[in-house]
Amino acid sequence: MKTEQEKNKKNKRLQLNIRLTPQQNEYINKRLKETQKNKTQFVLDCINENPIYILPHLEQTISQIKYLGNKTNELSQRLDQSNEENKKLIQELQKGCDEFWRLLKLLKQEKPKQV
């Protein structure tokens, strides 16, 4: 039977301190920004040999998804209004969908960069 002290030793977290050159630190910070991970997760992924991907145009894609969601909500709220307004909203929604698909195709064409 394990004592309480043995259990605490096993679960205790350790701290890792490293020294970097300014260039190395800049490189890591650049990669962190591209991957949207924190330093701890980034280092753990590297240690565990987990692939780290950088998806191009991710912010544009997220922005477009939000835009489409807003337009879809607006369209559903106005369905009982005049046909002319509905046509305009449907055209805007179609433009948004086209842009969204364009960005997804870009993501598919560009292989994610592995850090």
PDB file of N, CA and C in Angstrom:
ATOM      1  N   MET A   1       0.851  -1.181   0.000  1.00  0.00           N
ATOM      2  CA  MET A   1       0.000   0.000   0.000  1.00  0.00           C
ATOM      3  C   MET A   1       0.898   1.245   0.000  1.00  0.00           C
ATOM      4  N   LYS A   2       0.588   2.192  -0.890  1.00  0.00           N
ATOM      5  CA  LYS A   2       1.402   3.401  -1.014  1.00  0.00           C
ATOM      6  C   LYS A   2       1.029   4.412   0.060  1.00  0.00           C
ATOM      7  N   THR A   3       2.058   5.046   0.561  1.00  0.00           N
ATOM      8  CA  THR A   3       1.810   6.087   1.559  1.00  0.00           C
ATOM      9  C   THR A   3       1.404   7.371   0.850  1.00  0.00           C
ATOM     10  N   GLU A   4       0.858   8.305   1.598  1.00  0.00           N
ATOM     11  CA  GLU A   4       0.437   9.610   1.060  1.00  0.00           C
ATOM     12  C   GLU A   4       1.621  10.355   0.459  1.00  0.00           C
ATOM     13  N   GLN A   5       2.767  10.239   1.079  1.00  0.00           N
ATOM     14  CA  GLN A   5       3.979  10.927   0.611  1.00  0.00           C
ATOM     15  C   GLN A   5       4.409  10.382  -0.763  1.00  0.00           C
ATOM     16  N   GLU A   6       4.311   9.075  -0.971  1.00  0.00           N
ATOM     17  CA  GLU A   6       4.671   8.468  -2.248  1.00  0.00           C
ATOM     18  C   GLU A   6       3.723   8.938  -3.353  1.00  0.00           C
ATOM     19  N   LYS A   7       2.446   9.051  -3.034  1.00  0.00           N
ATOM     20  CA  LYS A   7       1.463   9.528  -4.010  1.00  0.00           C
ATOM     21  C   LYS A   7       1.750  10.965  -4.414  1.00  0.00           C
ATOM     22  N   ASN A   8       2.079  11.810  -3.442  1.00  0.00           N
ATOM     23  CA  ASN A   8       2.369  13.217  -3.727  1.00  0.00           C
ATOM     24  C   ASN A   8       3.617  13.368  -4.590  1.00  0.00           C
ATOM     25  N   LYS A   9       4.637  12.542  -4.351  1.00  0.00           N
ATOM     26  CA  LYS A   9       5.858  12.599  -5.157  1.00  0.00           C
ATOM     27  C   LYS A   9       5.563  12.253  -6.615  1.00  0.00           C
ATOM     28  N   LYS A  10       4.713  11.281  -6.812  1.00  0.00           N
ATOM     29  CA  LYS A  10       4.385  10.840  -8.149  1.00  0.00           C
ATOM     30  C   LYS A  10       3.608  11.906  -8.926  1.00  0.00           C
ATOM     31  N   ASN A  11       2.725  12.639  -8.280  1.00  0.00           N
ATOM     32  CA  ASN A  11       1.880  13.640  -8.921  1.00  0.00           C
ATOM     33  C   ASN A  11       2.488  15.038  -8.928  1.00  0.00           C
ATOM     34  N   LYS A  12       3.616  15.201  -8.264  1.00  0.00           N
ATOM     35  CA  LYS A  12       4.224  16.520  -8.157  1.00  0.00           C
ATOM     36  C   LYS A  12       4.708  16.997  -9.521  1.00  0.00           C
ATOM     37  N   ARG A  13       4.438  18.252  -9.824  1.00  0.00           N
ATOM     38  CA  ARG A  13       4.893  18.842 -11.084  1.00  0.00           C
ATOM     39  C   ARG A  13       6.235  19.498 -10.877  1.00  0.00           C
ATOM     40  N   LEU A  14       7.072  19.348 -11.856  1.00  0.00           N
ATOM     41  CA  LEU A  14       8.395  19.950 -11.806  1.00  0.00           C
ATOM     42  C   LEU A  14       8.444  21.131 -12.765  1.00  0.00           C
ATOM     43  N   GLN A  15       9.373  22.003 -12.529  1.00  0.00           N
ATOM     44  CA  GLN A  15       9.513  23.188 -13.360  1.00  0.00           C
ATOM     45  C   GLN A  15      10.771  23.058 -14.206  1.00  0.00           C
ATOM     46  N   LEU A  16      10.682  23.471 -15.471  1.00  0.00           N
ATOM     47  CA  LEU A  16      11.803  23.425 -16.387  1.00  0.00           C
ATOM     48  C   LEU A  16      12.225  24.855 -16.699  1.00  0.00           C
ATOM     49  N   ASN A  17      13.473  25.164 -16.445  1.00  0.00           N
ATOM     50  CA  ASN A  17      14.018  26.483 -16.767  1.00  0.00           C
ATOM     51  C   ASN A  17      15.105  26.312 -17.810  1.00  0.00           C
ATOM     52  N   ILE A  18      15.044  27.099 -18.867  1.00  0.00           N
ATOM     53  CA  ILE A  18      16.067  27.030 -19.909  1.00  0.00           C
ATOM     54  C   ILE A  18      16.525  28.438 -20.266  1.00  0.00           C
ATOM     55  N   ARG A  19      17.721  28.509 -20.813  1.00  0.00           N
ATOM     56  CA  ARG A  19      18.263  29.788 -21.257  1.00  0.00           C
ATOM     57  C   ARG A  19      18.232  29.800 -22.783  1.00  0.00           C
ATOM     58  N   LEU A  20      17.793  30.922 -23.329  1.00  0.00           N
ATOM     59  CA  LEU A  20      17.691  31.069 -24.778  1.00  0.00           C
ATOM     60  C   LEU A  20      18.401  32.333 -25.227  1.00  0.00           C
ATOM     61  N   THR A  21      18.845  32.307 -26.461  1.00  0.00           N
ATOM     62  CA  THR A  21      19.337  33.543 -27.054  1.00  0.00           C
ATOM     63  C   THR A  21      18.112  34.365 -27.448  1.00  0.00           C
ATOM     64  N   PRO A  22      18.262  35.656 -27.663  1.00  0.00           N
ATOM     65  CA  PRO A  22      17.112  36.449 -28.117  1.00  0.00           C
ATOM     66  C   PRO A  22      16.510  35.909 -29.423  1.00  0.00           C
ATOM     67  N   GLN A  23      17.352  35.405 -30.316  1.00  0.00           N
ATOM     68  CA  GLN A  23      16.859  34.853 -31.581  1.00  0.00           C
ATOM     69  C   GLN A  23      16.035  33.582 -31.353  1.00  0.00           C
ATOM     70  N   GLN A  24      16.517  32.739 -30.451  1.00  0.00           N
ATOM     71  CA  GLN A  24      15.768  31.517 -30.141  1.00  0.00           C
ATOM     72  C   GLN A  24      14.427  31.850 -29.506  1.00  0.00           C
ATOM     73  N   ASN A  25      14.432  32.811 -28.609  1.00  0.00           N
ATOM     74  CA  ASN A  25      13.188  33.227 -27.961  1.00  0.00           C
ATOM     75  C   ASN A  25      12.216  33.813 -28.989  1.00  0.00           C
ATOM     76  N   GLU A  26      12.742  34.612 -29.900  1.00  0.00           N
ATOM     77  CA  GLU A  26      11.903  35.199 -30.952  1.00  0.00           C
ATOM     78  C   GLU A  26      11.308  34.111 -31.840  1.00  0.00           C
ATOM     79  N   TYR A  27      12.130  33.119 -32.167  1.00  0.00           N
ATOM     80  CA  TYR A  27      11.658  31.998 -32.980  1.00  0.00           C
ATOM     81  C   TYR A  27      10.521  31.246 -32.277  1.00  0.00           C
ATOM     82  N   ILE A  28      10.716  30.946 -31.013  1.00  0.00           N
ATOM     83  CA  ILE A  28       9.678  30.231 -30.259  1.00  0.00           C
ATOM     84  C   ILE A  28       8.404  31.062 -30.177  1.00  0.00           C
ATOM     85  N   ASN A  29       8.530  32.347 -29.879  1.00  0.00           N
ATOM     86  CA  ASN A  29       7.344  33.209 -29.784  1.00  0.00           C
ATOM     87  C   ASN A  29       6.609  33.297 -31.119  1.00  0.00           C
ATOM     88  N   LYS A  30       7.368  33.317 -32.227  1.00  0.00           N
ATOM     89  CA  LYS A  30       6.746  33.337 -33.561  1.00  0.00           C
ATOM     90  C   LYS A  30       5.946  32.052 -33.781  1.00  0.00           C
ATOM     91  N   ARG A  31       6.543  30.929 -33.441  1.00  0.00           N
ATOM     92  CA  ARG A  31       5.858  29.638 -33.606  1.00  0.00           C
ATOM     93  C   ARG A  31       4.627  29.544 -32.697  1.00  0.00           C
ATOM     94  N   LEU A  32       4.741  30.055 -31.493  1.00  0.00           N
ATOM     95  CA  LEU A  32       3.600  30.029 -30.573  1.00  0.00           C
ATOM     96  C   LEU A  32       2.433  30.813 -31.154  1.00  0.00           C
ATOM     97  N   LYS A  33       2.745  31.964 -31.735  1.00  0.00           N
ATOM     98  CA  LYS A  33       1.693  32.792 -32.327  1.00  0.00           C
ATOM     99  C   LYS A  33       1.025  32.067 -33.496  1.00  0.00           C
ATOM    100  N   GLU A  34       1.831  31.386 -34.306  1.00  0.00           N
ATOM    101  CA  GLU A  34       1.301  30.667 -35.471  1.00  0.00           C
ATOM    102  C   GLU A  34       0.467  29.456 -35.069  1.00  0.00           C
ATOM    103  N   THR A  35       0.851  28.799 -33.981  1.00  0.00           N
ATOM    104  CA  THR A  35       0.145  27.581 -33.575  1.00  0.00           C
ATOM    105  C   THR A  35      -0.973  27.851 -32.583  1.00  0.00           C
ATOM    106  N   GLN A  36      -0.982  29.029 -32.003  1.00  0.00           N
ATOM    107  CA  GLN A  36      -1.978  29.406 -30.994  1.00  0.00           C
ATOM    108  C   GLN A  36      -1.949  28.454 -29.800  1.00  0.00           C
ATOM    109  N   LYS A  37      -0.736  28.084 -29.396  1.00  0.00           N
ATOM    110  CA  LYS A  37      -0.548  27.244 -28.209  1.00  0.00           C
ATOM    111  C   LYS A  37       0.209  28.052 -27.166  1.00  0.00           C
ATOM    112  N   ASN A  38       0.128  27.620 -25.918  1.00  0.00           N
ATOM    113  CA  ASN A  38       0.955  28.260 -24.898  1.00  0.00           C
ATOM    114  C   ASN A  38       2.303  27.535 -24.853  1.00  0.00           C
ATOM    115  N   LYS A  39       3.264  28.144 -24.165  1.00  0.00           N
ATOM    116  CA  LYS A  39       4.626  27.592 -24.151  1.00  0.00           C
ATOM    117  C   LYS A  39       4.670  26.178 -23.583  1.00  0.00           C
ATOM    118  N   THR A  40       3.931  25.946 -22.524  1.00  0.00           N
ATOM    119  CA  THR A  40       3.932  24.625 -21.901  1.00  0.00           C
ATOM    120  C   THR A  40       3.437  23.574 -22.880  1.00  0.00           C
ATOM    121  N   GLN A  41       2.317  23.835 -23.521  1.00  0.00           N
ATOM    122  CA  GLN A  41       1.750  22.867 -24.461  1.00  0.00           C
ATOM    123  C   GLN A  41       2.671  22.650 -25.650  1.00  0.00           C
ATOM    124  N   PHE A  42       3.287  23.736 -26.125  1.00  0.00           N
ATOM    125  CA  PHE A  42       4.210  23.654 -27.251  1.00  0.00           C
ATOM    126  C   PHE A  42       5.398  22.744 -26.909  1.00  0.00           C
ATOM    127  N   VAL A  43       6.009  22.965 -25.754  1.00  0.00           N
ATOM    128  CA  VAL A  43       7.164  22.164 -25.341  1.00  0.00           C
ATOM    129  C   VAL A  43       6.760  20.712 -25.115  1.00  0.00           C
ATOM    130  N   LEU A  44       5.615  20.494 -24.470  1.00  0.00           N
ATOM    131  CA  LEU A  44       5.159  19.119 -24.236  1.00  0.00           C
ATOM    132  C   LEU A  44       4.888  18.394 -25.553  1.00  0.00           C
ATOM    133  N   ASP A  45       4.295  19.096 -26.521  1.00  0.00           N
ATOM    134  CA  ASP A  45       4.062  18.479 -27.827  1.00  0.00           C
ATOM    135  C   ASP A  45       5.384  18.115 -28.501  1.00  0.00           C
ATOM    136  N   CYS A  46       6.377  18.992 -28.376  1.00  0.00           N
ATOM    137  CA  CYS A  46       7.695  18.691 -28.947  1.00  0.00           C
ATOM    138  C   CYS A  46       8.324  17.483 -28.263  1.00  0.00           C
ATOM    139  N   ILE A  47       8.273  17.451 -26.951  1.00  0.00           N
ATOM    140  CA  ILE A  47       8.868  16.347 -26.187  1.00  0.00           C
ATOM    141  C   ILE A  47       8.178  15.031 -26.524  1.00  0.00           C
ATOM    142  N   ASN A  48       6.855  15.069 -26.625  1.00  0.00           N
ATOM    143  CA  ASN A  48       6.082  13.855 -26.913  1.00  0.00           C
ATOM    144  C   ASN A  48       6.044  13.521 -28.394  1.00  0.00           C
ATOM    145  N   GLU A  49       6.769  14.320 -29.202  1.00  0.00           N
ATOM    146  CA  GLU A  49       6.826  14.131 -30.649  1.00  0.00           C
ATOM    147  C   GLU A  49       5.457  14.181 -31.303  1.00  0.00           C
ATOM    148  N   ASN A  50       4.575  15.006 -30.737  1.00  0.00           N
ATOM    149  CA  ASN A  50       3.278  15.246 -31.362  1.00  0.00           C
ATOM    150  C   ASN A  50       3.472  16.251 -32.484  1.00  0.00           C
ATOM    151  N   PRO A  51       2.854  16.032 -33.635  1.00  0.00           N
ATOM    152  CA  PRO A  51       3.009  17.013 -34.713  1.00  0.00           C
ATOM    153  C   PRO A  51       2.365  18.348 -34.331  1.00  0.00           C
ATOM    154  N   ILE A  52       3.015  19.415 -34.723  1.00  0.00           N
ATOM    155  CA  ILE A  52       2.501  20.755 -34.474  1.00  0.00           C
ATOM    156  C   ILE A  52       2.247  21.378 -35.841  1.00  0.00           C
ATOM    157  N   TYR A  53       0.999  21.709 -36.118  1.00  0.00           N
ATOM    158  CA  TYR A  53       0.638  22.222 -37.433  1.00  0.00           C
ATOM    159  C   TYR A  53       0.351  23.713 -37.390  1.00  0.00           C
ATOM    160  N   ILE A  54       0.706  24.364 -38.480  1.00  0.00           N
ATOM    161  CA  ILE A  54       0.374  25.767 -38.682  1.00  0.00           C
ATOM    162  C   ILE A  54      -0.590  25.812 -39.854  1.00  0.00           C
ATOM    163  N   LEU A  55      -1.822  26.222 -39.596  1.00  0.00           N
ATOM    164  CA  LEU A  55      -2.825  26.273 -40.650  1.00  0.00           C
ATOM    165  C   LEU A  55      -2.887  27.678 -41.226  1.00  0.00           C
ATOM    166  N   PRO A  56      -2.570  27.812 -42.518  1.00  0.00           N
ATOM    167  CA  PRO A  56      -2.638  29.144 -43.122  1.00  0.00           C
ATOM    168  C   PRO A  56      -4.082  29.607 -43.255  1.00  0.00           C
ATOM    169  N   HIS A  57      -4.282  30.886 -43.166  1.00  0.00           N
ATOM    170  CA  HIS A  57      -5.601  31.519 -43.351  1.00  0.00           C
ATOM    171  C   HIS A  57      -6.620  31.100 -42.299  1.00  0.00           C
ATOM    172  N   LEU A  58      -6.182  30.580 -41.159  1.00  0.00           N
ATOM    173  CA  LEU A  58      -7.119  30.112 -40.145  1.00  0.00           C
ATOM    174  C   LEU A  58      -7.977  31.252 -39.611  1.00  0.00           C
ATOM    175  N   GLU A  59      -7.380  32.407 -39.368  1.00  0.00           N
ATOM    176  CA  GLU A  59      -8.145  33.534 -38.837  1.00  0.00           C
ATOM    177  C   GLU A  59      -9.197  33.999 -39.837  1.00  0.00           C
ATOM    178  N   GLN A  60      -8.840  34.021 -41.133  1.00  0.00           N
ATOM    179  CA  GLN A  60      -9.811  34.402 -42.159  1.00  0.00           C
ATOM    180  C   GLN A  60     -10.974  33.416 -42.196  1.00  0.00           C
ATOM    181  N   THR A  61     -10.666  32.138 -42.070  1.00  0.00           N
ATOM    182  CA  THR A  61     -11.703  31.102 -42.114  1.00  0.00           C
ATOM    183  C   THR A  61     -12.641  31.235 -40.929  1.00  0.00           C
ATOM    184  N   ILE A  62     -12.103  31.452 -39.754  1.00  0.00           N
ATOM    185  CA  ILE A  62     -12.926  31.618 -38.553  1.00  0.00           C
ATOM    186  C   ILE A  62     -13.808  32.852 -38.695  1.00  0.00           C
ATOM    187  N   SER A  63     -13.231  33.929 -39.208  1.00  0.00           N
ATOM    188  CA  SER A  63     -13.985  35.162 -39.422  1.00  0.00           C
ATOM    189  C   SER A  63     -15.135  34.925 -40.396  1.00  0.00           C
ATOM    190  N   GLN A  64     -14.868  34.180 -41.460  1.00  0.00           N
ATOM    191  CA  GLN A  64     -15.900  33.897 -42.467  1.00  0.00           C
ATOM    192  C   GLN A  64     -17.005  33.020 -41.888  1.00  0.00           C
ATOM    193  N   ILE A  65     -16.655  32.067 -41.043  1.00  0.00           N
ATOM    194  CA  ILE A  65     -17.660  31.211 -40.409  1.00  0.00           C
ATOM    195  C   ILE A  65     -18.582  32.054 -39.528  1.00  0.00           C
ATOM    196  N   LYS A  66     -17.995  32.994 -38.770  1.00  0.00           N
ATOM    197  CA  LYS A  66     -18.813  33.885 -37.930  1.00  0.00           C
ATOM    198  C   LYS A  66     -19.745  34.733 -38.787  1.00  0.00           C
ATOM    199  N   TYR A  67     -19.220  35.246 -39.904  1.00  0.00           N
ATOM    200  CA  TYR A  67     -20.020  36.057 -40.817  1.00  0.00           C
ATOM    201  C   TYR A  67     -21.204  35.248 -41.340  1.00  0.00           C
ATOM    202  N   LEU A  68     -20.934  34.014 -41.773  1.00  0.00           N
ATOM    203  CA  LEU A  68     -22.005  33.162 -42.298  1.00  0.00           C
ATOM    204  C   LEU A  68     -23.048  32.856 -41.228  1.00  0.00           C
ATOM    205  N   GLY A  69     -22.601  32.636 -40.016  1.00  0.00           N
ATOM    206  CA  GLY A  69     -23.538  32.380 -38.926  1.00  0.00           C
ATOM    207  C   GLY A  69     -24.439  33.578 -38.682  1.00  0.00           C
ATOM    208  N   ASN A  70     -23.859  34.773 -38.693  1.00  0.00           N
ATOM    209  CA  ASN A  70     -24.655  35.994 -38.494  1.00  0.00           C
ATOM    210  C   ASN A  70     -25.674  36.185 -39.614  1.00  0.00           C
ATOM    211  N   LYS A  71     -25.236  35.974 -40.856  1.00  0.00           N
ATOM    212  CA  LYS A  71     -26.146  36.142 -42.002  1.00  0.00           C
ATOM    213  C   LYS A  71     -27.253  35.093 -41.980  1.00  0.00           C
ATOM    214  N   THR A  72     -26.928  33.882 -41.571  1.00  0.00           N
ATOM    215  CA  THR A  72     -27.943  32.830 -41.487  1.00  0.00           C
ATOM    216  C   THR A  72     -28.993  33.187 -40.434  1.00  0.00           C
ATOM    217  N   ASN A  73     -28.547  33.696 -39.289  1.00  0.00           N
ATOM    218  CA  ASN A  73     -29.487  34.125 -38.254  1.00  0.00           C
ATOM    219  C   ASN A  73     -30.361  35.273 -38.744  1.00  0.00           C
ATOM    220  N   GLU A  74     -29.737  36.222 -39.418  1.00  0.00           N
ATOM    221  CA  GLU A  74     -30.485  37.364 -39.943  1.00  0.00           C
ATOM    222  C   GLU A  74     -31.523  36.897 -40.964  1.00  0.00           C
ATOM    223  N   LEU A  75     -31.141  35.970 -41.820  1.00  0.00           N
ATOM    224  CA  LEU A  75     -32.057  35.451 -42.835  1.00  0.00           C
ATOM    225  C   LEU A  75     -33.241  34.730 -42.189  1.00  0.00           C
ATOM    226  N   SER A  76     -32.959  33.911 -41.188  1.00  0.00           N
ATOM    227  CA  SER A  76     -34.051  33.174 -40.548  1.00  0.00           C
ATOM    228  C   SER A  76     -35.015  34.110 -39.817  1.00  0.00           C
ATOM    229  N   GLN A  77     -34.514  35.234 -39.300  1.00  0.00           N
ATOM    230  CA  GLN A  77     -35.382  36.197 -38.627  1.00  0.00           C
ATOM    231  C   GLN A  77     -36.263  36.974 -39.602  1.00  0.00           C
ATOM    232  N   ARG A  78     -35.801  37.099 -40.838  1.00  0.00           N
ATOM    233  CA  ARG A  78     -36.536  37.904 -41.818  1.00  0.00           C
ATOM    234  C   ARG A  78     -37.306  37.085 -42.850  1.00  0.00           C
ATOM    235  N   LEU A  79     -37.423  35.813 -42.645  1.00  0.00           N
ATOM    236  CA  LEU A  79     -38.086  34.971 -43.640  1.00  0.00           C
ATOM    237  C   LEU A  79     -39.517  35.408 -43.939  1.00  0.00           C
ATOM    238  N   ASP A  80     -40.187  35.968 -42.972  1.00  0.00           N
ATOM    239  CA  ASP A  80     -41.575  36.361 -43.196  1.00  0.00           C
ATOM    240  C   ASP A  80     -41.703  37.759 -43.801  1.00  0.00           C
ATOM    241  N   GLN A  81     -40.573  38.416 -44.093  1.00  0.00           N
ATOM    242  CA  GLN A  81     -40.618  39.746 -44.699  1.00  0.00           C
ATOM    243  C   GLN A  81     -40.675  39.626 -46.220  1.00  0.00           C
ATOM    244  N   SER A  82     -40.602  40.758 -46.883  1.00  0.00           N
ATOM    245  CA  SER A  82     -40.787  40.802 -48.340  1.00  0.00           C
ATOM    246  C   SER A  82     -39.750  39.950 -49.079  1.00  0.00           C
ATOM    247  N   ASN A  83     -40.148  39.495 -50.264  1.00  0.00           N
ATOM    248  CA  ASN A  83     -39.283  38.664 -51.099  1.00  0.00           C
ATOM    249  C   ASN A  83     -38.005  39.391 -51.506  1.00  0.00           C
ATOM    250  N   GLU A  84     -38.087  40.692 -51.759  1.00  0.00           N
ATOM    251  CA  GLU A  84     -36.928  41.464 -52.201  1.00  0.00           C
ATOM    252  C   GLU A  84     -35.822  41.460 -51.136  1.00  0.00           C
ATOM    253  N   GLU A  85     -36.200  41.641 -49.883  1.00  0.00           N
ATOM    254  CA  GLU A  85     -35.217  41.614 -48.800  1.00  0.00           C
ATOM    255  C   GLU A  85     -34.611  40.217 -48.656  1.00  0.00           C
ATOM    256  N   ASN A  86     -35.440  39.190 -48.789  1.00  0.00           N
ATOM    257  CA  ASN A  86     -34.946  37.820 -48.692  1.00  0.00           C
ATOM    258  C   ASN A  86     -33.933  37.516 -49.794  1.00  0.00           C
ATOM    259  N   LYS A  87     -34.218  37.981 -51.004  1.00  0.00           N
ATOM    260  CA  LYS A  87     -33.301  37.743 -52.120  1.00  0.00           C
ATOM    261  C   LYS A  87     -31.951  38.384 -51.848  1.00  0.00           C
ATOM    262  N   LYS A  88     -31.970  39.607 -51.300  1.00  0.00           N
ATOM    263  CA  LYS A  88     -30.725  40.311 -51.001  1.00  0.00           C
ATOM    264  C   LYS A  88     -29.916  39.543 -49.947  1.00  0.00           C
ATOM    265  N   LEU A  89     -30.589  39.084 -48.893  1.00  0.00           N
ATOM    266  CA  LEU A  89     -29.901  38.327 -47.846  1.00  0.00           C
ATOM    267  C   LEU A  89     -29.364  36.999 -48.362  1.00  0.00           C
ATOM    268  N   ILE A  90     -30.137  36.349 -49.215  1.00  0.00           N
ATOM    269  CA  ILE A  90     -29.693  35.076 -49.778  1.00  0.00           C
ATOM    270  C   ILE A  90     -28.459  35.288 -50.653  1.00  0.00           C
ATOM    271  N   GLN A  91     -28.434  36.390 -51.414  1.00  0.00           N
ATOM    272  CA  GLN A  91     -27.265  36.698 -52.243  1.00  0.00           C
ATOM    273  C   GLN A  91     -26.031  36.955 -51.373  1.00  0.00           C
ATOM    274  N   GLU A  92     -26.209  37.692 -50.276  1.00  0.00           N
ATOM    275  CA  GLU A  92     -25.087  37.945 -49.360  1.00  0.00           C
ATOM    276  C   GLU A  92     -24.603  36.639 -48.733  1.00  0.00           C
ATOM    277  N   LEU A  93     -25.555  35.789 -48.370  1.00  0.00           N
ATOM    278  CA  LEU A  93     -25.199  34.495 -47.781  1.00  0.00           C
ATOM    279  C   LEU A  93     -24.444  33.641 -48.800  1.00  0.00           C
ATOM    280  N   GLN A  94     -24.879  33.692 -50.054  1.00  0.00           N
ATOM    281  CA  GLN A  94     -24.206  32.934 -51.109  1.00  0.00           C
ATOM    282  C   GLN A  94     -22.779  33.438 -51.318  1.00  0.00           C
ATOM    283  N   LYS A  95     -22.594  34.760 -51.288  1.00  0.00           N
ATOM    284  CA  LYS A  95     -21.246  35.334 -51.418  1.00  0.00           C
ATOM    285  C   LYS A  95     -20.358  34.858 -50.261  1.00  0.00           C
ATOM    286  N   GLY A  96     -20.922  34.853 -49.066  1.00  0.00           N
ATOM    287  CA  GLY A  96     -20.172  34.388 -47.910  1.00  0.00           C
ATOM    288  C   GLY A  96     -19.793  32.926 -48.028  1.00  0.00           C
ATOM    289  N   CYS A  97     -20.721  32.114 -48.502  1.00  0.00           N
ATOM    290  CA  CYS A  97     -20.445  30.681 -48.697  1.00  0.00           C
ATOM    291  C   CYS A  97     -19.347  30.483 -49.740  1.00  0.00           C
ATOM    292  N   ASP A  98     -19.425  31.256 -50.831  1.00  0.00           N
ATOM    293  CA  ASP A  98     -18.399  31.155 -51.872  1.00  0.00           C
ATOM    294  C   ASP A  98     -17.020  31.497 -51.311  1.00  0.00           C
ATOM    295  N   GLU A  99     -16.946  32.565 -50.514  1.00  0.00           N
ATOM    296  CA  GLU A  99     -15.679  32.967 -49.915  1.00  0.00           C
ATOM    297  C   GLU A  99     -15.181  31.905 -48.928  1.00  0.00           C
ATOM    298  N   PHE A 100     -16.109  31.357 -48.162  1.00  0.00           N
ATOM    299  CA  PHE A 100     -15.766  30.308 -47.205  1.00  0.00           C
ATOM    300  C   PHE A 100     -15.172  29.092 -47.933  1.00  0.00           C
ATOM    301  N   TRP A 101     -15.796  28.658 -49.006  1.00  0.00           N
ATOM    302  CA  TRP A 101     -15.306  27.519 -49.765  1.00  0.00           C
ATOM    303  C   TRP A 101     -13.956  27.826 -50.401  1.00  0.00           C
ATOM    304  N   ARG A 102     -13.772  29.081 -50.844  1.00  0.00           N
ATOM    305  CA  ARG A 102     -12.490  29.473 -51.422  1.00  0.00           C
ATOM    306  C   ARG A 102     -11.372  29.312 -50.380  1.00  0.00           C
ATOM    307  N   LEU A 103     -11.647  29.769 -49.160  1.00  0.00           N
ATOM    308  CA  LEU A 103     -10.651  29.655 -48.093  1.00  0.00           C
ATOM    309  C   LEU A 103     -10.385  28.197 -47.715  1.00  0.00           C
ATOM    310  N   LEU A 104     -11.446  27.388 -47.690  1.00  0.00           N
ATOM    311  CA  LEU A 104     -11.258  25.963 -47.379  1.00  0.00           C
ATOM    312  C   LEU A 104     -10.418  25.273 -48.450  1.00  0.00           C
ATOM    313  N   LYS A 105     -10.638  25.648 -49.714  1.00  0.00           N
ATOM    314  CA  LYS A 105      -9.835  25.066 -50.795  1.00  0.00           C
ATOM    315  C   LYS A 105      -8.373  25.468 -50.651  1.00  0.00           C
ATOM    316  N   LEU A 106      -8.136  26.718 -50.237  1.00  0.00           N
ATOM    317  CA  LEU A 106      -6.759  27.160 -49.998  1.00  0.00           C
ATOM    318  C   LEU A 106      -6.111  26.323 -48.902  1.00  0.00           C
ATOM    319  N   LEU A 107      -6.871  26.071 -47.829  1.00  0.00           N
ATOM    320  CA  LEU A 107      -6.344  25.253 -46.732  1.00  0.00           C
ATOM    321  C   LEU A 107      -6.024  23.845 -47.216  1.00  0.00           C
ATOM    322  N   LYS A 108      -6.874  23.316 -48.093  1.00  0.00           N
ATOM    323  CA  LYS A 108      -6.674  21.961 -48.591  1.00  0.00           C
ATOM    324  C   LYS A 108      -5.466  21.898 -49.523  1.00  0.00           C
ATOM    325  N   GLN A 109      -5.299  22.936 -50.363  1.00  0.00           N
ATOM    326  CA  GLN A 109      -4.187  22.953 -51.305  1.00  0.00           C
ATOM    327  C   GLN A 109      -2.847  23.123 -50.603  1.00  0.00           C
ATOM    328  N   GLU A 110      -2.806  24.007 -49.614  1.00  0.00           N
ATOM    329  CA  GLU A 110      -1.569  24.249 -48.891  1.00  0.00           C
ATOM    330  C   GLU A 110      -1.458  23.222 -47.773  1.00  0.00           C
ATOM    331  N   LYS A 111      -0.479  22.355 -47.894  1.00  0.00           N
ATOM    332  CA  LYS A 111      -0.285  21.378 -46.822  1.00  0.00           C
ATOM    333  C   LYS A 111       0.068  22.127 -45.559  1.00  0.00           C
ATOM    334  N   PRO A 112      -0.524  21.727 -44.442  1.00  0.00           N
ATOM    335  CA  PRO A 112      -0.156  22.388 -43.177  1.00  0.00           C
ATOM    336  C   PRO A 112       1.336  22.237 -42.932  1.00  0.00           C
ATOM    337  N   LYS A 113       1.960  23.319 -42.531  1.00  0.00           N
ATOM    338  CA  LYS A 113       3.389  23.273 -42.214  1.00  0.00           C
ATOM    339  C   LYS A 113       3.553  22.615 -40.858  1.00  0.00           C
ATOM    340  N   GLN A 114       4.486  21.731 -40.790  1.00  0.00           N
ATOM    341  CA  GLN A 114       4.783  21.098 -39.508  1.00  0.00           C
ATOM    342  C   GLN A 114       6.002  21.773 -38.934  1.00  0.00           C
ATOM    343  N   VAL A 115       5.875  22.219 -37.681  1.00  0.00           N
ATOM    344  CA  VAL A 115       6.971  22.928 -37.022  1.00  0.00           C
ATOM    345  C   VAL A 115       8.010  21.950 -36.564  1.00  0.00           C
TER     346      VAL A 115
END
